[in-house]
Amino acid sequence: INGVLGSNPIVKHLVPLDPWSPTDLFTKCADGLLLCALINDAVPDTIDVRALNTKPGMNAYMQTENLNLAINSAKGIG
């Protein structure tokens, strides 16, 4: 993840992940941005980045929108 998404501007505040922290991956996936970036890396342009909530201090509703977008996109690409 660190190598692939290190230069991605959407998740620049989330990477690098600490490989020695047992909770770092979970806390950084909470807003859905990291998952959406991984999906777009696997299949480019699957998620339109304009549809993502990217502003700092997102509320739970905005985070849930990002997570639902990641789940539905992953289902769409199989």
C-alpha atoms as a PDB file:
ATOM      1  CA  ILE A   1       0.000   0.000   0.000  1.00  0.00           C
ATOM      2  CA  ASN A   2       2.791   2.405   0.897  1.00  0.00           C
ATOM      3  CA  GLY A   3       4.601   1.774  -2.366  1.00  0.00           C
ATOM      4  CA  VAL A   4       1.556   1.921  -4.612  1.00  0.00           C
ATOM      5  CA  LEU A   5      -0.284   4.848  -3.033  1.00  0.00           C
ATOM      6  CA  GLY A   6       2.697   6.874  -1.817  1.00  0.00           C
ATOM      7  CA  SER A   7       2.312   9.475  -4.574  1.00  0.00           C
ATOM      8  CA  ASN A   8      -1.502   9.575  -4.648  1.00  0.00           C
ATOM      9  CA  PRO A   9      -2.608  13.123  -3.712  1.00  0.00           C
ATOM     10  CA  ILE A  10      -5.950  11.989  -2.285  1.00  0.00           C
ATOM     11  CA  VAL A  11      -4.370   9.809   0.398  1.00  0.00           C
ATOM     12  CA  LYS A  12      -1.105  11.679   0.959  1.00  0.00           C
ATOM     13  CA  HIS A  13      -2.150  12.384   4.550  1.00  0.00           C
ATOM     14  CA  LEU A  14      -2.745   8.665   5.221  1.00  0.00           C
ATOM     15  CA  VAL A  15       0.399   7.051   3.845  1.00  0.00           C
ATOM     16  CA  PRO A  16       2.827   5.690   4.793  1.00  0.00           C
ATOM     17  CA  LEU A  17       1.137   3.074   6.932  1.00  0.00           C
ATOM     18  CA  ASP A  18       3.037   1.907   9.968  1.00  0.00           C
ATOM     19  CA  PRO A  19       3.606  -1.833   9.470  1.00  0.00           C
ATOM     20  CA  TRP A  20       4.296  -2.335  13.175  1.00  0.00           C
ATOM     21  CA  SER A  21       1.083  -0.738  14.419  1.00  0.00           C
ATOM     22  CA  PRO A  22      -1.739  -3.249  14.872  1.00  0.00           C
ATOM     23  CA  THR A  23      -4.458  -0.610  14.372  1.00  0.00           C
ATOM     24  CA  ASP A  24      -2.941   1.805  11.842  1.00  0.00           C
ATOM     25  CA  LEU A  25      -4.541   0.160   8.802  1.00  0.00           C
ATOM     26  CA  PHE A  26      -7.978   0.107  10.437  1.00  0.00           C
ATOM     27  CA  THR A  27      -7.904   3.712  11.591  1.00  0.00           C
ATOM     28  CA  LYS A  28      -6.679   4.972   8.228  1.00  0.00           C
ATOM     29  CA  CYS A  29      -9.361   3.040   6.328  1.00  0.00           C
ATOM     30  CA  ALA A  30     -12.139   4.538   8.464  1.00  0.00           C
ATOM     31  CA  ASP A  31     -12.959   7.387   6.066  1.00  0.00           C
ATOM     32  CA  GLY A  32     -12.969   5.185   2.939  1.00  0.00           C
ATOM     33  CA  LEU A  33     -10.397   7.215   0.996  1.00  0.00           C
ATOM     34  CA  LEU A  34      -7.660   4.609   1.239  1.00  0.00           C
ATOM     35  CA  LEU A  35     -10.012   1.863   0.040  1.00  0.00           C
ATOM     36  CA  CYS A  36     -11.224   3.962  -2.898  1.00  0.00           C
ATOM     37  CA  ALA A  37      -7.630   4.750  -3.884  1.00  0.00           C
ATOM     38  CA  LEU A  38      -6.764   1.039  -3.815  1.00  0.00           C
ATOM     39  CA  ILE A  39      -9.741   0.210  -6.015  1.00  0.00           C
ATOM     40  CA  ASN A  40      -8.762   2.915  -8.494  1.00  0.00           C
ATOM     41  CA  ASP A  41      -5.227   1.585  -8.552  1.00  0.00           C
ATOM     42  CA  ALA A  42      -6.462  -1.942  -9.293  1.00  0.00           C
ATOM     43  CA  VAL A  43      -8.884  -0.811 -12.014  1.00  0.00           C
ATOM     44  CA  PRO A  44      -8.197   2.770 -13.107  1.00  0.00           C
ATOM     45  CA  ASP A  45     -11.103   5.240 -13.239  1.00  0.00           C
ATOM     46  CA  THR A  46     -13.511   2.925 -11.436  1.00  0.00           C
ATOM     47  CA  ILE A  47     -14.320   5.670  -8.928  1.00  0.00           C
ATOM     48  CA  ASP A  48     -14.638   9.285  -9.994  1.00  0.00           C
ATOM     49  CA  VAL A  49     -12.541  11.155  -7.435  1.00  0.00           C
ATOM     50  CA  ARG A  50     -14.920  14.106  -7.672  1.00  0.00           C
ATOM     51  CA  ALA A  51     -17.542  11.935  -5.972  1.00  0.00           C
ATOM     52  CA  LEU A  52     -15.356  11.408  -2.898  1.00  0.00           C
ATOM     53  CA  ASN A  53     -15.630  13.422   0.282  1.00  0.00           C
ATOM     54  CA  THR A  54     -12.047  14.533   0.831  1.00  0.00           C
ATOM     55  CA  LYS A  55     -12.187  17.531   3.130  1.00  0.00           C
ATOM     56  CA  PRO A  56     -10.540  17.254   6.544  1.00  0.00           C
ATOM     57  CA  GLY A  57     -12.805  16.647   9.507  1.00  0.00           C
ATOM     58  CA  MET A  58     -15.429  14.613   7.677  1.00  0.00           C
ATOM     59  CA  ASN A  59     -18.471  13.638   9.679  1.00  0.00           C
ATOM     60  CA  ALA A  60     -19.703  10.054   9.948  1.00  0.00           C
ATOM     61  CA  TYR A  61     -22.204  10.551   7.109  1.00  0.00           C
ATOM     62  CA  MET A  62     -19.484  11.642   4.671  1.00  0.00           C
ATOM     63  CA  GLN A  63     -17.229   8.767   5.704  1.00  0.00           C
ATOM     64  CA  THR A  64     -20.084   6.309   5.202  1.00  0.00           C
ATOM     65  CA  GLU A  65     -20.684   7.698   1.703  1.00  0.00           C
ATOM     66  CA  ASN A  66     -17.034   7.023   0.823  1.00  0.00           C
ATOM     67  CA  LEU A  67     -17.177   3.521   2.291  1.00  0.00           C
ATOM     68  CA  ASN A  68     -20.401   2.707   0.404  1.00  0.00           C
ATOM     69  CA  LEU A  69     -18.815   3.985  -2.794  1.00  0.00           C
ATOM     70  CA  ALA A  70     -15.818   1.691  -2.215  1.00  0.00           C
ATOM     71  CA  ILE A  71     -18.036  -1.322  -1.522  1.00  0.00           C
ATOM     72  CA  ASN A  72     -20.280  -0.744  -4.544  1.00  0.00           C
ATOM     73  CA  SER A  73     -17.294  -0.152  -6.812  1.00  0.00           C
ATOM     74  CA  ALA A  74     -15.607  -3.325  -5.627  1.00  0.00           C
ATOM     75  CA  LYS A  75     -18.806  -5.261  -6.317  1.00  0.00           C
ATOM     76  CA  GLY A  76     -19.001  -3.658  -9.761  1.00  0.00           C
ATOM     77  CA  ILE A  77     -15.546  -4.780 -10.815  1.00  0.00           C
ATOM     78  CA  GLY A  78     -16.058  -8.241  -9.354  1.00  0.00           C
END
